C-alpha atoms as a PDB file:
ATOM      1  CA  MET A   1     -29.354  27.899  61.527  1.00  0.00           C
ATOM      2  CA  PRO A   2     -25.641  27.436  61.976  1.00  0.00           C
ATOM      3  CA  PRO A   3     -23.575  27.764  58.795  1.00  0.00           C
ATOM      4  CA  GLY A   4     -22.210  24.192  59.131  1.00  0.00           C
ATOM      5  CA  VAL A   5     -25.693  22.654  58.999  1.00  0.00           C
ATOM      6  CA  VAL A   6     -26.637  24.800  55.986  1.00  0.00           C
ATOM      7  CA  LEU A   7     -23.463  23.708  54.196  1.00  0.00           C
ATOM      8  CA  VAL A   8     -24.126  20.009  54.896  1.00  0.00           C
ATOM      9  CA  MET A   9     -27.729  20.338  53.672  1.00  0.00           C
ATOM     10  CA  LEU A  10     -26.564  22.148  50.523  1.00  0.00           C
ATOM     11  CA  VAL A  11     -23.976  19.447  49.742  1.00  0.00           C
ATOM     12  CA  ALA A  12     -26.499  16.669  50.425  1.00  0.00           C
ATOM     13  CA  ALA A  13     -29.100  18.312  48.179  1.00  0.00           C
ATOM     14  CA  SER A  14     -26.656  18.798  45.299  1.00  0.00           C
ATOM     15  CA  ALA A  15     -25.434  15.194  45.626  1.00  0.00           C
ATOM     16  CA  THR A  16     -29.042  13.957  45.529  1.00  0.00           C
ATOM     17  CA  VAL A  17     -29.768  16.022  42.407  1.00  0.00           C
ATOM     18  CA  ALA A  18     -26.632  14.673  40.703  1.00  0.00           C
ATOM     19  CA  ILE A  19     -27.494  11.055  41.524  1.00  0.00           C
ATOM     20  CA  VAL A  20     -31.089  11.442  40.296  1.00  0.00           C
ATOM     21  CA  LYS A  21     -29.810  13.050  37.065  1.00  0.00           C
ATOM     22  CA  ILE A  22     -27.384  10.155  36.450  1.00  0.00           C
ATOM     23  CA  ILE A  23     -30.088   7.545  37.067  1.00  0.00           C
ATOM     24  CA  ALA A  24     -32.584   9.343  34.821  1.00  0.00           C
ATOM     25  CA  SER A  25     -30.107   9.717  31.958  1.00  0.00           C
ATOM     26  CA  THR A  26     -29.178   6.027  32.243  1.00  0.00           C
ATOM     27  CA  ILE A  27     -32.830   4.984  32.075  1.00  0.00           C
ATOM     28  CA  LEU A  28     -33.431   7.218  29.048  1.00  0.00           C
ATOM     29  CA  ARG A  29     -30.368   5.815  27.277  1.00  0.00           C
ATOM     30  CA  LEU A  30     -31.544   2.257  27.889  1.00  0.00           C
ATOM     31  CA  LYS A  31     -35.018   3.024  26.558  1.00  0.00           C
ATOM     32  CA  GLU A  32     -33.547   4.621  23.419  1.00  0.00           C
ATOM     33  CA  GLY A  33     -31.419   1.518  22.883  1.00  0.00           C
ATOM     34  CA  ASP A  34     -34.523  -0.663  23.053  1.00  0.00           C
ATOM     35  CA  ARG A  35     -36.218   1.470  20.384  1.00  0.00           C
ATOM     36  CA  HIS A  36     -33.324   1.149  17.974  1.00  0.00           C
ATOM     37  CA  ALA A  37     -32.912  -2.619  18.438  1.00  0.00           C
ATOM     38  CA  PRO A  38     -34.224  -4.722  15.543  1.00  0.00           C
ATOM     39  CA  ALA A  39     -37.423  -6.654  16.193  1.00  0.00           C
ATOM     40  CA  SER A  40     -36.144  -9.969  14.896  1.00  0.00           C
ATOM     41  CA  THR A  41     -32.640 -10.948  15.896  1.00  0.00           C
ATOM     42  CA  VAL A  42     -30.761 -13.539  13.908  1.00  0.00           C
ATOM     43  CA  SER A  43     -28.780 -16.011  15.947  1.00  0.00           C
ATOM     44  CA  SER A  44     -25.058 -15.761  15.367  1.00  0.00           C
ATOM     45  CA  ILE A  45     -24.632 -19.492  15.942  1.00  0.00           C
ATOM     46  CA  SER A  46     -24.954 -21.409  12.706  1.00  0.00           C
ATOM     47  CA  ASP A  47     -26.701 -24.752  12.312  1.00  0.00           C
ATOM     48  CA  GLU A  48     -23.374 -26.316  11.414  1.00  0.00           C
ATOM     49  CA  ARG A  49     -21.846 -25.216  14.703  1.00  0.00           C
ATOM     50  CA  ILE A  50     -24.826 -26.501  16.695  1.00  0.00           C
ATOM     51  CA  ALA A  51     -24.486 -29.881  14.957  1.00  0.00           C
ATOM     52  CA  ARG A  52     -20.808 -30.052  15.954  1.00  0.00           C
ATOM     53  CA  ILE A  53     -21.684 -29.190  19.561  1.00  0.00           C
ATOM     54  CA  GLU A  54     -24.363 -31.916  19.630  1.00  0.00           C
ATOM     55  CA  ALA A  55     -21.895 -34.469  18.257  1.00  0.00           C
ATOM     56  CA  SER A  56     -19.342 -33.469  20.894  1.00  0.00           C
ATOM     57  CA  VAL A  57     -21.877 -33.788  23.700  1.00  0.00           C
ATOM     58  CA  GLU A  58     -22.886 -37.251  22.488  1.00  0.00           C
ATOM     59  CA  ALA A  59     -19.230 -38.342  22.340  1.00  0.00           C
ATOM     60  CA  ILE A  60     -18.672 -37.064  25.887  1.00  0.00           C
ATOM     61  CA  ALA A  61     -21.771 -38.937  27.085  1.00  0.00           C
ATOM     62  CA  ILE A  62     -20.453 -42.181  25.586  1.00  0.00           C
ATOM     63  CA  GLU A  63     -17.051 -41.702  27.240  1.00  0.00           C
ATOM     64  CA  VAL A  64     -18.666 -40.957  30.607  1.00  0.00           C
ATOM     65  CA  GLU A  65     -20.716 -44.154  30.298  1.00  0.00           C
ATOM     66  CA  ARG A  66     -17.521 -46.121  29.584  1.00  0.00           C
ATOM     67  CA  ILE A  67     -15.838 -44.607  32.618  1.00  0.00           C
ATOM     68  CA  SER A  68     -18.795 -45.428  34.866  1.00  0.00           C
ATOM     69  CA  GLU A  69     -18.916 -48.999  33.547  1.00  0.00           C
ATOM     70  CA  GLY A  70     -15.213 -49.395  34.305  1.00  0.00           C
ATOM     71  CA  GLN A  71     -15.761 -48.019  37.794  1.00  0.00           C
ATOM     72  CA  ARG A  72     -18.608 -50.482  38.415  1.00  0.00           C
ATOM     73  CA  PHE A  73     -16.413 -53.357  37.201  1.00  0.00           C
ATOM     74  CA  THR A  74     -13.513 -52.276  39.417  1.00  0.00           C
ATOM     75  CA  THR A  75     -15.797 -51.924  42.426  1.00  0.00           C
ATOM     76  CA  LYS A  76     -17.205 -55.399  41.797  1.00  0.00           C
ATOM     77  CA  LEU A  77     -13.705 -56.906  41.574  1.00  0.00           C
ATOM     78  CA  LEU A  78     -12.569 -55.172  44.747  1.00  0.00           C
ATOM     79  CA  SER A  79     -15.630 -56.299  46.691  1.00  0.00           C
ATOM     80  CA  GLU A  80     -15.168 -59.922  45.532  1.00  0.00           C
ATOM     81  CA  HIS A  81     -11.490 -59.936  46.527  1.00  0.00           C
ATOM     82  CA  SER A  82     -12.117 -58.398  49.942  1.00  0.00           C
ATOM     83  CA  GLN A  83     -14.524 -61.140  51.084  1.00  0.00           C
ATOM     84  CA  PRO A  84     -11.948 -63.990  51.270  1.00  0.00           C
ATOM     85  CA  ILE A  85      -9.499 -61.771  53.144  1.00  0.00           C
ATOM     86  CA  GLN A  86     -12.102 -60.913  55.740  1.00  0.00           C
ATOM     87  CA  SER A  87     -12.656 -64.615  56.475  1.00  0.00           C
ATOM     88  CA  PHE A  88      -9.019 -64.899  57.690  1.00  0.00           C
ATOM     89  CA  LEU A  89      -9.289 -61.938  60.054  1.00  0.00           C
ATOM     90  CA  PRO A  90     -10.282 -62.644  63.647  1.00  0.00           C
ATOM     91  CA  LYS A  91     -13.846 -61.855  64.476  1.00  0.00           C
ATOM     92  CA  PRO A  92     -14.248 -59.028  66.968  1.00  0.00           C
ATOM     93  CA  GLY A  93     -15.291 -60.211  70.404  1.00  0.00           C
ATOM     94  CA  LYS A  94     -16.560 -58.633  73.550  1.00  0.00           C
ATOM     95  CA  PHE A  95     -14.014 -56.472  75.337  1.00  0.00           C
ATOM     96  CA  ASP A  96     -14.087 -55.437  78.978  1.00  0.00           C
ATOM     97  CA  THR A  97     -12.698 -51.987  79.392  1.00  0.00           C
ATOM     98  CA  PRO A  98     -11.404 -50.921  82.820  1.00  0.00           C
ATOM     99  CA  HIS A  99     -12.997 -47.874  84.344  1.00  0.00           C
END
């Protein structure tokens, strides 16, 4: 075999060994971390904080409902005002276009 091919195979083999070693050590570290983790984890969010979040979400929901009601009212007013204006506009007729 030519020396260039042997060198490429040697570099490829050592790179493969290094990558496999890194992956194996990462997997072992993750498994050790799972062993040392406590079985029951206590939530860091207190009941008081959850109650404040729920109150905030309810307040936002009420404000969104007010906004949507205002939008419906505005849309209704605009549609009622546009009908009389349309009665003054000429009705579109049939047009002959030259070809």
